[in-house]
Amino acid sequence: MAELLSEQDLGKALGTLPDWNLDEGALVRTVELADFPQAIQVVNRVAEIAENDNHHPDIDIRWRTLTLRCSTHSAGGITALDVSLAREIDGVVDAIRS
């Protein structure tokens, strides 16, 4: 089972994830896309990555706004898996926006 990040490691990780915040034991990012189809493109690509990694974020879709939450439920908080997934999500958002 993945281990929870220490406060120090979590702080370092957040320093490399400027678009993410800490909220109730999860890394959280809200992204506004150009339109609904673009938001769904992000969701579809993140779903592919999540299935490949066997680690899935919670995703809330509101028209063109996505809120993504990464936490390792089995560990009860944030692990290195969540930091890695957050970085992959950033790459997806950057690629689809450009």
PDB file of N, CA and C in Angstrom:
ATOM      1  N   MET A   1       0.847  -1.189   0.000  1.00  0.00           N
ATOM      2  CA  MET A   1       0.000   0.000   0.000  1.00  0.00           C
ATOM      3  C   MET A   1       0.886   1.243   0.000  1.00  0.00           C
ATOM      4  N   ALA A   2       0.458   2.253  -0.712  1.00  0.00           N
ATOM      5  CA  ALA A   2       1.200   3.512  -0.785  1.00  0.00           C
ATOM      6  C   ALA A   2       1.181   4.214   0.569  1.00  0.00           C
ATOM      7  N   GLU A   3       2.285   4.873   0.897  1.00  0.00           N
ATOM      8  CA  GLU A   3       2.391   5.589   2.165  1.00  0.00           C
ATOM      9  C   GLU A   3       2.010   7.052   2.005  1.00  0.00           C
ATOM     10  N   LEU A   4       1.377   7.592   3.036  1.00  0.00           N
ATOM     11  CA  LEU A   4       1.039   9.009   3.045  1.00  0.00           C
ATOM     12  C   LEU A   4       2.303   9.847   3.002  1.00  0.00           C
ATOM     13  N   LEU A   5       2.233  10.985   2.319  1.00  0.00           N
ATOM     14  CA  LEU A   5       3.352  11.909   2.302  1.00  0.00           C
ATOM     15  C   LEU A   5       3.453  12.628   3.644  1.00  0.00           C
ATOM     16  N   SER A   6       4.680  12.889   4.055  1.00  0.00           N
ATOM     17  CA  SER A   6       4.889  13.693   5.260  1.00  0.00           C
ATOM     18  C   SER A   6       4.503  15.136   4.944  1.00  0.00           C
ATOM     19  N   GLU A   7       4.316  15.935   5.980  1.00  0.00           N
ATOM     20  CA  GLU A   7       4.005  17.358   5.785  1.00  0.00           C
ATOM     21  C   GLU A   7       5.088  18.024   4.937  1.00  0.00           C
ATOM     22  N   GLN A   8       6.344  17.690   5.201  1.00  0.00           N
ATOM     23  CA  GLN A   8       7.463  18.281   4.469  1.00  0.00           C
ATOM     24  C   GLN A   8       7.417  17.869   2.996  1.00  0.00           C
ATOM     25  N   ASP A   9       7.213  16.584   2.727  1.00  0.00           N
ATOM     26  CA  ASP A   9       7.140  16.117   1.340  1.00  0.00           C
ATOM     27  C   ASP A   9       5.921  16.690   0.621  1.00  0.00           C
ATOM     28  N   LEU A  10       4.831  16.829   1.342  1.00  0.00           N
ATOM     29  CA  LEU A  10       3.636  17.421   0.747  1.00  0.00           C
ATOM     30  C   LEU A  10       3.881  18.877   0.390  1.00  0.00           C
ATOM     31  N   GLY A  11       4.556  19.604   1.254  1.00  0.00           N
ATOM     32  CA  GLY A  11       4.899  20.995   0.962  1.00  0.00           C
ATOM     33  C   GLY A  11       5.781  21.120  -0.260  1.00  0.00           C
ATOM     34  N   LYS A  12       6.764  20.241  -0.379  1.00  0.00           N
ATOM     35  CA  LYS A  12       7.641  20.245  -1.555  1.00  0.00           C
ATOM     36  C   LYS A  12       6.849  19.954  -2.818  1.00  0.00           C
ATOM     37  N   ALA A  13       5.959  18.970  -2.737  1.00  0.00           N
ATOM     38  CA  ALA A  13       5.151  18.612  -3.902  1.00  0.00           C
ATOM     39  C   ALA A  13       4.264  19.769  -4.331  1.00  0.00           C
ATOM     40  N   LEU A  14       3.619  20.416  -3.374  1.00  0.00           N
ATOM     41  CA  LEU A  14       2.755  21.554  -3.711  1.00  0.00           C
ATOM     42  C   LEU A  14       3.558  22.692  -4.329  1.00  0.00           C
ATOM     43  N   GLY A  15       4.822  22.808  -3.948  1.00  0.00           N
ATOM     44  CA  GLY A  15       5.679  23.823  -4.545  1.00  0.00           C
ATOM     45  C   GLY A  15       5.929  23.597  -6.027  1.00  0.00           C
ATOM     46  N   THR A  16       5.762  22.354  -6.483  1.00  0.00           N
ATOM     47  CA  THR A  16       5.960  22.036  -7.900  1.00  0.00           C
ATOM     48  C   THR A  16       4.633  21.928  -8.656  1.00  0.00           C
ATOM     49  N   LEU A  17       3.538  22.131  -7.939  1.00  0.00           N
ATOM     50  CA  LEU A  17       2.194  22.044  -8.530  1.00  0.00           C
ATOM     51  C   LEU A  17       1.435  23.342  -8.267  1.00  0.00           C
ATOM     52  N   PRO A  18       1.813  24.431  -8.948  1.00  0.00           N
ATOM     53  CA  PRO A  18       1.246  25.743  -8.617  1.00  0.00           C
ATOM     54  C   PRO A  18      -0.262  25.875  -8.824  1.00  0.00           C
ATOM     55  N   ASP A  19      -0.860  25.015  -9.639  1.00  0.00           N
ATOM     56  CA  ASP A  19      -2.298  25.120  -9.898  1.00  0.00           C
ATOM     57  C   ASP A  19      -3.139  24.261  -8.962  1.00  0.00           C
ATOM     58  N   TRP A  20      -2.480  23.578  -8.036  1.00  0.00           N
ATOM     59  CA  TRP A  20      -3.158  22.660  -7.125  1.00  0.00           C
ATOM     60  C   TRP A  20      -3.174  23.222  -5.710  1.00  0.00           C
ATOM     61  N   ASN A  21      -4.230  22.873  -4.975  1.00  0.00           N
ATOM     62  CA  ASN A  21      -4.373  23.266  -3.575  1.00  0.00           C
ATOM     63  C   ASN A  21      -4.615  22.027  -2.737  1.00  0.00           C
ATOM     64  N   LEU A  22      -4.401  22.175  -1.465  1.00  0.00           N
ATOM     65  CA  LEU A  22      -4.696  21.118  -0.508  1.00  0.00           C
ATOM     66  C   LEU A  22      -6.087  21.376   0.064  1.00  0.00           C
ATOM     67  N   ASP A  23      -6.955  20.362   0.015  1.00  0.00           N
ATOM     68  CA  ASP A  23      -8.310  20.519   0.541  1.00  0.00           C
ATOM     69  C   ASP A  23      -8.778  19.191   1.122  1.00  0.00           C
ATOM     70  N   GLU A  24      -8.939  19.155   2.424  1.00  0.00           N
ATOM     71  CA  GLU A  24      -9.475  17.989   3.120  1.00  0.00           C
ATOM     72  C   GLU A  24      -8.796  16.687   2.696  1.00  0.00           C
ATOM     73  N   GLY A  25      -7.481  16.673   2.750  1.00  0.00           N
ATOM     74  CA  GLY A  25      -6.732  15.455   2.471  1.00  0.00           C
ATOM     75  C   GLY A  25      -6.630  15.071   1.015  1.00  0.00           C
ATOM     76  N   ALA A  26      -6.782  16.040   0.132  1.00  0.00           N
ATOM     77  CA  ALA A  26      -6.678  15.772  -1.303  1.00  0.00           C
ATOM     78  C   ALA A  26      -5.991  16.943  -1.999  1.00  0.00           C
ATOM     79  N   LEU A  27      -5.349  16.631  -3.124  1.00  0.00           N
ATOM     80  CA  LEU A  27      -4.858  17.669  -4.023  1.00  0.00           C
ATOM     81  C   LEU A  27      -6.030  18.031  -4.923  1.00  0.00           C
ATOM     82  N   VAL A  28      -6.310  19.332  -5.069  1.00  0.00           N
ATOM     83  CA  VAL A  28      -7.485  19.774  -5.823  1.00  0.00           C
ATOM     84  C   VAL A  28      -7.089  20.855  -6.820  1.00  0.00           C
ATOM     85  N   ARG A  29      -7.584  20.687  -8.041  1.00  0.00           N
ATOM     86  CA  ARG A  29      -7.375  21.711  -9.076  1.00  0.00           C
ATOM     87  C   ARG A  29      -8.699  21.931  -9.800  1.00  0.00           C
ATOM     88  N   THR A  30      -9.041  23.197 -10.014  1.00  0.00           N
ATOM     89  CA  THR A  30     -10.196  23.565 -10.819  1.00  0.00           C
ATOM     90  C   THR A  30      -9.682  24.182 -12.115  1.00  0.00           C
ATOM     91  N   VAL A  31     -10.221  23.695 -13.224  1.00  0.00           N
ATOM     92  CA  VAL A  31      -9.774  24.120 -14.548  1.00  0.00           C
ATOM     93  C   VAL A  31     -10.978  24.574 -15.350  1.00  0.00           C
ATOM     94  N   GLU A  32     -10.884  25.745 -15.964  1.00  0.00           N
ATOM     95  CA  GLU A  32     -11.927  26.195 -16.878  1.00  0.00           C
ATOM     96  C   GLU A  32     -11.407  26.060 -18.296  1.00  0.00           C
ATOM     97  N   LEU A  33     -12.137  25.310 -19.107  1.00  0.00           N
ATOM     98  CA  LEU A  33     -11.762  25.077 -20.493  1.00  0.00           C
ATOM     99  C   LEU A  33     -12.579  25.976 -21.414  1.00  0.00           C
ATOM    100  N   ALA A  34     -12.281  25.927 -22.689  1.00  0.00           N
ATOM    101  CA  ALA A  34     -12.942  26.803 -23.660  1.00  0.00           C
ATOM    102  C   ALA A  34     -14.436  26.496 -23.799  1.00  0.00           C
ATOM    103  N   ASP A  35     -14.778  25.204 -23.734  1.00  0.00           N
ATOM    104  CA  ASP A  35     -16.172  24.800 -23.899  1.00  0.00           C
ATOM    105  C   ASP A  35     -16.350  23.384 -23.349  1.00  0.00           C
ATOM    106  N   PHE A  36     -17.584  22.906 -23.385  1.00  0.00           N
ATOM    107  CA  PHE A  36     -17.890  21.586 -22.840  1.00  0.00           C
ATOM    108  C   PHE A  36     -17.132  20.470 -23.565  1.00  0.00           C
ATOM    109  N   PRO A  37     -17.096  20.463 -24.907  1.00  0.00           N
ATOM    110  CA  PRO A  37     -16.346  19.391 -25.579  1.00  0.00           C
ATOM    111  C   PRO A  37     -14.864  19.352 -25.174  1.00  0.00           C
ATOM    112  N   GLN A  38     -14.249  20.506 -24.972  1.00  0.00           N
ATOM    113  CA  GLN A  38     -12.850  20.520 -24.558  1.00  0.00           C
ATOM    114  C   GLN A  38     -12.706  19.958 -23.135  1.00  0.00           C
ATOM    115  N   ALA A  39     -13.651  20.271 -22.280  1.00  0.00           N
ATOM    116  CA  ALA A  39     -13.632  19.717 -20.920  1.00  0.00           C
ATOM    117  C   ALA A  39     -13.732  18.190 -20.969  1.00  0.00           C
ATOM    118  N   ILE A  40     -14.584  17.681 -21.832  1.00  0.00           N
ATOM    119  CA  ILE A  40     -14.737  16.232 -21.963  1.00  0.00           C
ATOM    120  C   ILE A  40     -13.472  15.601 -22.552  1.00  0.00           C
ATOM    121  N   GLN A  41     -12.781  16.306 -23.432  1.00  0.00           N
ATOM    122  CA  GLN A  41     -11.492  15.804 -23.937  1.00  0.00           C
ATOM    123  C   GLN A  41     -10.521  15.590 -22.786  1.00  0.00           C
ATOM    124  N   VAL A  42     -10.460  16.541 -21.873  1.00  0.00           N
ATOM    125  CA  VAL A  42      -9.580  16.415 -20.709  1.00  0.00           C
ATOM    126  C   VAL A  42     -10.004  15.214 -19.880  1.00  0.00           C
ATOM    127  N   VAL A  43     -11.297  15.091 -19.612  1.00  0.00           N
ATOM    128  CA  VAL A  43     -11.797  13.972 -18.811  1.00  0.00           C
ATOM    129  C   VAL A  43     -11.439  12.641 -19.472  1.00  0.00           C
ATOM    130  N   ASN A  44     -11.649  12.537 -20.773  1.00  0.00           N
ATOM    131  CA  ASN A  44     -11.353  11.287 -21.478  1.00  0.00           C
ATOM    132  C   ASN A  44      -9.873  10.932 -21.401  1.00  0.00           C
ATOM    133  N   ARG A  45      -9.004  11.908 -21.594  1.00  0.00           N
ATOM    134  CA  ARG A  45      -7.561  11.633 -21.536  1.00  0.00           C
ATOM    135  C   ARG A  45      -7.142  11.274 -20.113  1.00  0.00           C
ATOM    136  N   VAL A  46      -7.665  11.986 -19.123  1.00  0.00           N
ATOM    137  CA  VAL A  46      -7.343  11.666 -17.724  1.00  0.00           C
ATOM    138  C   VAL A  46      -7.850  10.259 -17.393  1.00  0.00           C
ATOM    139  N   ALA A  47      -8.999   9.881 -17.908  1.00  0.00           N
ATOM    140  CA  ALA A  47      -9.529   8.538 -17.673  1.00  0.00           C
ATOM    141  C   ALA A  47      -8.585   7.475 -18.219  1.00  0.00           C
ATOM    142  N   GLU A  48      -8.019   7.702 -19.402  1.00  0.00           N
ATOM    143  CA  GLU A  48      -7.060   6.752 -19.983  1.00  0.00           C
ATOM    144  C   GLU A  48      -5.837   6.610 -19.085  1.00  0.00           C
ATOM    145  N   ILE A  49      -5.314   7.735 -18.629  1.00  0.00           N
ATOM    146  CA  ILE A  49      -4.134   7.717 -17.757  1.00  0.00           C
ATOM    147  C   ILE A  49      -4.465   7.010 -16.445  1.00  0.00           C
ATOM    148  N   ALA A  50      -5.609   7.336 -15.870  1.00  0.00           N
ATOM    149  CA  ALA A  50      -6.012   6.749 -14.592  1.00  0.00           C
ATOM    150  C   ALA A  50      -6.156   5.239 -14.707  1.00  0.00           C
ATOM    151  N   GLU A  51      -6.747   4.776 -15.778  1.00  0.00           N
ATOM    152  CA  GLU A  51      -6.886   3.331 -15.976  1.00  0.00           C
ATOM    153  C   GLU A  51      -5.519   2.671 -16.126  1.00  0.00           C
ATOM    154  N   ASN A  52      -4.643   3.310 -16.877  1.00  0.00           N
ATOM    155  CA  ASN A  52      -3.295   2.774 -17.069  1.00  0.00           C
ATOM    156  C   ASN A  52      -2.534   2.709 -15.747  1.00  0.00           C
ATOM    157  N   ASP A  53      -2.685   3.758 -14.918  1.00  0.00           N
ATOM    158  CA  ASP A  53      -1.977   3.836 -13.637  1.00  0.00           C
ATOM    159  C   ASP A  53      -2.704   3.089 -12.514  1.00  0.00           C
ATOM    160  N   ASN A  54      -3.958   2.681 -12.772  1.00  0.00           N
ATOM    161  CA  ASN A  54      -4.823   2.091 -11.746  1.00  0.00           C
ATOM    162  C   ASN A  54      -4.915   2.998 -10.519  1.00  0.00           C
ATOM    163  N   HIS A  55      -5.057   4.286 -10.800  1.00  0.00           N
ATOM    164  CA  HIS A  55      -5.195   5.300  -9.751  1.00  0.00           C
ATOM    165  C   HIS A  55      -6.101   6.394 -10.306  1.00  0.00           C
ATOM    166  N   HIS A  56      -7.259   6.605  -9.699  1.00  0.00           N
ATOM    167  CA  HIS A  56      -8.316   7.405 -10.301  1.00  0.00           C
ATOM    168  C   HIS A  56      -8.651   8.643  -9.486  1.00  0.00           C
ATOM    169  N   PRO A  57      -8.705   9.802 -10.142  1.00  0.00           N
ATOM    170  CA  PRO A  57      -9.115  11.028  -9.438  1.00  0.00           C
ATOM    171  C   PRO A  57     -10.636  11.112  -9.362  1.00  0.00           C
ATOM    172  N   ASP A  58     -11.118  11.918  -8.446  1.00  0.00           N
ATOM    173  CA  ASP A  58     -12.532  12.297  -8.458  1.00  0.00           C
ATOM    174  C   ASP A  58     -12.639  13.493  -9.398  1.00  0.00           C
ATOM    175  N   ILE A  59     -13.624  13.467 -10.282  1.00  0.00           N
ATOM    176  CA  ILE A  59     -13.787  14.535 -11.269  1.00  0.00           C
ATOM    177  C   ILE A  59     -15.220  15.051 -11.208  1.00  0.00           C
ATOM    178  N   ASP A  60     -15.344  16.360 -11.045  1.00  0.00           N
ATOM    179  CA  ASP A  60     -16.641  17.021 -11.070  1.00  0.00           C
ATOM    180  C   ASP A  60     -16.682  17.880 -12.339  1.00  0.00           C
ATOM    181  N   ILE A  61     -17.720  17.682 -13.157  1.00  0.00           N
ATOM    182  CA  ILE A  61     -17.858  18.411 -14.421  1.00  0.00           C
ATOM    183  C   ILE A  61     -19.041  19.361 -14.303  1.00  0.00           C
ATOM    184  N   ARG A  62     -18.778  20.649 -14.511  1.00  0.00           N
ATOM    185  CA  ARG A  62     -19.828  21.675 -14.540  1.00  0.00           C
ATOM    186  C   ARG A  62     -19.640  22.484 -15.806  1.00  0.00           C
ATOM    187  N   TRP A  63     -20.346  22.110 -16.840  1.00  0.00           N
ATOM    188  CA  TRP A  63     -20.261  22.716 -18.161  1.00  0.00           C
ATOM    189  C   TRP A  63     -18.831  22.677 -18.645  1.00  0.00           C
ATOM    190  N   ARG A  64     -18.085  23.758 -18.581  1.00  0.00           N
ATOM    191  CA  ARG A  64     -16.707  23.755 -19.067  1.00  0.00           C
ATOM    192  C   ARG A  64     -15.693  23.831 -17.927  1.00  0.00           C
ATOM    193  N   THR A  65     -16.158  23.668 -16.702  1.00  0.00           N
ATOM    194  CA  THR A  65     -15.285  23.738 -15.537  1.00  0.00           C
ATOM    195  C   THR A  65     -15.148  22.355 -14.910  1.00  0.00           C
ATOM    196  N   LEU A  66     -13.910  21.924 -14.730  1.00  0.00           N
ATOM    197  CA  LEU A  66     -13.610  20.646 -14.093  1.00  0.00           C
ATOM    198  C   LEU A  66     -12.958  20.896 -12.744  1.00  0.00           C
ATOM    199  N   THR A  67     -13.347  20.122 -11.761  1.00  0.00           N
ATOM    200  CA  THR A  67     -12.640  20.098 -10.491  1.00  0.00           C
ATOM    201  C   THR A  67     -12.124  18.678 -10.317  1.00  0.00           C
ATOM    202  N   LEU A  68     -10.810  18.564 -10.175  1.00  0.00           N
ATOM    203  CA  LEU A  68     -10.157  17.269 -10.051  1.00  0.00           C
ATOM    204  C   LEU A  68      -9.572  17.137  -8.658  1.00  0.00           C
ATOM    205  N   ARG A  69      -9.822  16.002  -8.018  1.00  0.00           N
ATOM    206  CA  ARG A  69      -9.341  15.730  -6.657  1.00  0.00           C
ATOM    207  C   ARG A  69      -8.536  14.444  -6.693  1.00  0.00           C
ATOM    208  N   CYS A  70      -7.302  14.530  -6.234  1.00  0.00           N
ATOM    209  CA  CYS A  70      -6.428  13.360  -6.176  1.00  0.00           C
ATOM    210  C   CYS A  70      -6.123  13.022  -4.728  1.00  0.00           C
ATOM    211  N   SER A  71      -6.487  11.826  -4.329  1.00  0.00           N
ATOM    212  CA  SER A  71      -6.118  11.300  -3.014  1.00  0.00           C
ATOM    213  C   SER A  71      -6.137   9.778  -3.118  1.00  0.00           C
ATOM    214  N   THR A  72      -5.385   9.158  -2.244  1.00  0.00           N
ATOM    215  CA  THR A  72      -5.335   7.696  -2.225  1.00  0.00           C
ATOM    216  C   THR A  72      -6.271   7.237  -1.111  1.00  0.00           C
ATOM    217  N   HIS A  73      -7.459   6.842  -1.495  1.00  0.00           N
ATOM    218  CA  HIS A  73      -8.491   6.498  -0.521  1.00  0.00           C
ATOM    219  C   HIS A  73      -8.039   5.378   0.415  1.00  0.00           C
ATOM    220  N   SER A  74      -7.339   4.377  -0.135  1.00  0.00           N
ATOM    221  CA  SER A  74      -6.920   3.244   0.694  1.00  0.00           C
ATOM    222  C   SER A  74      -5.888   3.644   1.744  1.00  0.00           C
ATOM    223  N   ALA A  75      -5.150   4.747   1.497  1.00  0.00           N
ATOM    224  CA  ALA A  75      -4.159   5.229   2.461  1.00  0.00           C
ATOM    225  C   ALA A  75      -4.723   6.328   3.354  1.00  0.00           C
ATOM    226  N   GLY A  76      -5.859   6.874   2.979  1.00  0.00           N
ATOM    227  CA  GLY A  76      -6.482   7.915   3.782  1.00  0.00           C
ATOM    228  C   GLY A  76      -5.894   9.297   3.589  1.00  0.00           C
ATOM    229  N   GLY A  77      -5.346   9.579   2.410  1.00  0.00           N
ATOM    230  CA  GLY A  77      -4.793  10.906   2.149  1.00  0.00           C
ATOM    231  C   GLY A  77      -3.943  10.937   0.895  1.00  0.00           C
ATOM    232  N   ILE A  78      -2.965  11.816   0.896  1.00  0.00           N
ATOM    233  CA  ILE A  78      -2.151  12.074  -0.292  1.00  0.00           C
ATOM    234  C   ILE A  78      -0.866  11.255  -0.250  1.00  0.00           C
ATOM    235  N   THR A  79      -0.615  10.564  -1.365  1.00  0.00           N
ATOM    236  CA  THR A  79       0.602   9.773  -1.523  1.00  0.00           C
ATOM    237  C   THR A  79       1.337  10.237  -2.782  1.00  0.00           C
ATOM    238  N   ALA A  80       2.485   9.642  -3.027  1.00  0.00           N
ATOM    239  CA  ALA A  80       3.244   9.958  -4.240  1.00  0.00           C
ATOM    240  C   ALA A  80       2.433   9.661  -5.499  1.00  0.00           C
ATOM    241  N   LEU A  81       1.521   8.697  -5.428  1.00  0.00           N
ATOM    242  CA  LEU A  81       0.660   8.390  -6.577  1.00  0.00           C
ATOM    243  C   LEU A  81      -0.182   9.597  -6.972  1.00  0.00           C
ATOM    244  N   ASP A  82      -0.637  10.340  -5.986  1.00  0.00           N
ATOM    245  CA  ASP A  82      -1.478  11.515  -6.252  1.00  0.00           C
ATOM    246  C   ASP A  82      -0.670  12.646  -6.871  1.00  0.00           C
ATOM    247  N   VAL A  83       0.541  12.821  -6.386  1.00  0.00           N
ATOM    248  CA  VAL A  83       1.411  13.862  -6.937  1.00  0.00           C
ATOM    249  C   VAL A  83       1.725  13.541  -8.395  1.00  0.00           C
ATOM    250  N   SER A  84       2.038  12.293  -8.665  1.00  0.00           N
ATOM    251  CA  SER A  84       2.328  11.873 -10.034  1.00  0.00           C
ATOM    252  C   SER A  84       1.112  12.073 -10.941  1.00  0.00           C
ATOM    253  N   LEU A  85      -0.069  11.692 -10.463  1.00  0.00           N
ATOM    254  CA  LEU A  85      -1.280  11.866 -11.259  1.00  0.00           C
ATOM    255  C   LEU A  85      -1.576  13.344 -11.489  1.00  0.00           C
ATOM    256  N   ALA A  86      -1.377  14.177 -10.484  1.00  0.00           N
ATOM    257  CA  ALA A  86      -1.589  15.619 -10.645  1.00  0.00           C
ATOM    258  C   ALA A  86      -0.679  16.178 -11.737  1.00  0.00           C
ATOM    259  N   ARG A  87       0.559  15.734 -11.762  1.00  0.00           N
ATOM    260  CA  ARG A  87       1.491  16.197 -12.810  1.00  0.00           C
ATOM    261  C   ARG A  87       1.024  15.747 -14.193  1.00  0.00           C
ATOM    262  N   GLU A  88       0.542  14.510 -14.275  1.00  0.00           N
ATOM    263  CA  GLU A  88       0.040  14.027 -15.557  1.00  0.00           C
ATOM    264  C   GLU A  88      -1.195  14.813 -15.987  1.00  0.00           C
ATOM    265  N   ILE A  89      -2.054  15.138 -15.055  1.00  0.00           N
ATOM    266  CA  ILE A  89      -3.242  15.939 -15.369  1.00  0.00           C
ATOM    267  C   ILE A  89      -2.829  17.316 -15.876  1.00  0.00           C
ATOM    268  N   ASP A  90      -1.833  17.934 -15.244  1.00  0.00           N
ATOM    269  CA  ASP A  90      -1.328  19.222 -15.725  1.00  0.00           C
ATOM    270  C   ASP A  90      -0.886  19.130 -17.179  1.00  0.00           C
ATOM    271  N   GLY A  91      -0.190  18.052 -17.515  1.00  0.00           N
ATOM    272  CA  GLY A  91       0.259  17.861 -18.896  1.00  0.00           C
ATOM    273  C   GLY A  91      -0.901  17.741 -19.870  1.00  0.00           C
ATOM    274  N   VAL A  92      -1.943  17.044 -19.466  1.00  0.00           N
ATOM    275  CA  VAL A  92      -3.127  16.904 -20.308  1.00  0.00           C
ATOM    276  C   VAL A  92      -3.786  18.252 -20.534  1.00  0.00           C
ATOM    277  N   VAL A  93      -3.998  18.991 -19.456  1.00  0.00           N
ATOM    278  CA  VAL A  93      -4.637  20.302 -19.566  1.00  0.00           C
ATOM    279  C   VAL A  93      -3.813  21.225 -20.465  1.00  0.00           C
ATOM    280  N   ASP A  94      -2.512  21.254 -20.261  1.00  0.00           N
ATOM    281  CA  ASP A  94      -1.649  22.098 -21.087  1.00  0.00           C
ATOM    282  C   ASP A  94      -1.724  21.713 -22.553  1.00  0.00           C
ATOM    283  N   ALA A  95      -1.710  20.415 -22.852  1.00  0.00           N
ATOM    284  CA  ALA A  95      -1.745  19.943 -24.238  1.00  0.00           C
ATOM    285  C   ALA A  95      -3.072  20.268 -24.913  1.00  0.00           C
ATOM    286  N   ILE A  96      -4.171  20.104 -24.207  1.00  0.00           N
ATOM    287  CA  ILE A  96      -5.479  20.345 -24.811  1.00  0.00           C
ATOM    288  C   ILE A  96      -5.775  21.830 -24.968  1.00  0.00           C
ATOM    289  N   ARG A  97      -5.269  22.629 -24.060  1.00  0.00           N
ATOM    290  CA  ARG A  97      -5.475  24.078 -24.161  1.00  0.00           C
ATOM    291  C   ARG A  97      -4.682  24.705 -25.307  1.00  0.00           C
ATOM    292  N   SER A  98      -3.569  24.098 -25.682  1.00  0.00           N
ATOM    293  CA  SER A  98      -2.728  24.733 -26.712  1.00  0.00           C
ATOM    294  C   SER A  98      -3.163  24.405 -28.120  1.00  0.00           C
TER     295      SER A  98
END
